[in-house]
Amino acid sequence: MAASSTHRGRNADWRAGIADAWPVALGMVPLGLAFGLLITQVGFAWWWAPIFSFVIYAGSMEFLAVSLVTGGVGPLSAALYGFLVNFRHAFYALNYPIAQVRGRLARAYGIYALTDETYAILAARRDAKWSTARVMAVQILLQIGWVGGGVLGALFGSALPFEIQGMEFALIALFTVLAIEAFVSFKDLSLPIVAALCGAVGLLVSPDNMLMIGMSLYFVSLIVRFLCPPLDRALRLKVGADNAASREVE
């Protein structure tokens, strides 16, 4: 009887996890399609799409990895790019319900599959009763949406009798969307201004290494602001309702 009750509870958790994740998973399919098309349009065979998606499994980094590989970037530079782009995941881990995930295999997969979308779902449902089954359902469904979209896009791209120009722009579009979403959630105008200045400095110092220099400078600026709260408060340029609310508090 107890075993039957446990089985029903686990099934309910799986269904709850699927309900939590399916709208986001569907939204990942178009991005996966774009990535699959990009893979084939730059000269890779279609089966490289699932390889990239399983080995790396980080949407923005996968797009960037294609550019790094085709651009002949060295291993050390590629590793630094990956560190700078994915460093935010270290903070995601602070809110990951690792204590509720049972089993070494489940925990290992949970850490591997901790993406922006996973963090968004888990953070938005802080009051939810997370369990191993529910967390795994969220992460597995999200990966299926991403990998499935990538495979479909790659198969479609490999079947096209012509090349689609400009698919590399998908990476720029992805980062643009991420930047807009980040700004909407935390309306601090100083962040994009500092990022633009760092990019400008990188362009002036070395146009060929602008991205590396700009990202490194921006990363350092964030660390400095984190370690020096008075400086962070002085640099903030809140806009919109948040700014009005902060003035009322003062």
Foldseek 3Di string as FASTA:
>chain_A
DVVVVVVVVLVVLLVLLCVLAVVVLLVLLVLLLLLLLVCVLLPHASVVSLVLCVVQVESLLSLVVVVCVSVVPDPVLNVLVVCLVPVCLVVLVVQDPLVQADDPVLSVVLSRQDYPSLSVSSVVPVVDDDHSSSSCSNSVSNSCSNSVSNSVSNVVNVPDPDHDPDSSCSSVVVVVVVVVVVCVVPVWPLLVVLLVVLLVVLCVVPVVCSVVRSSVSSVVVVVVCVVDVVVVVVRTDGDDPVVVVVVVVD
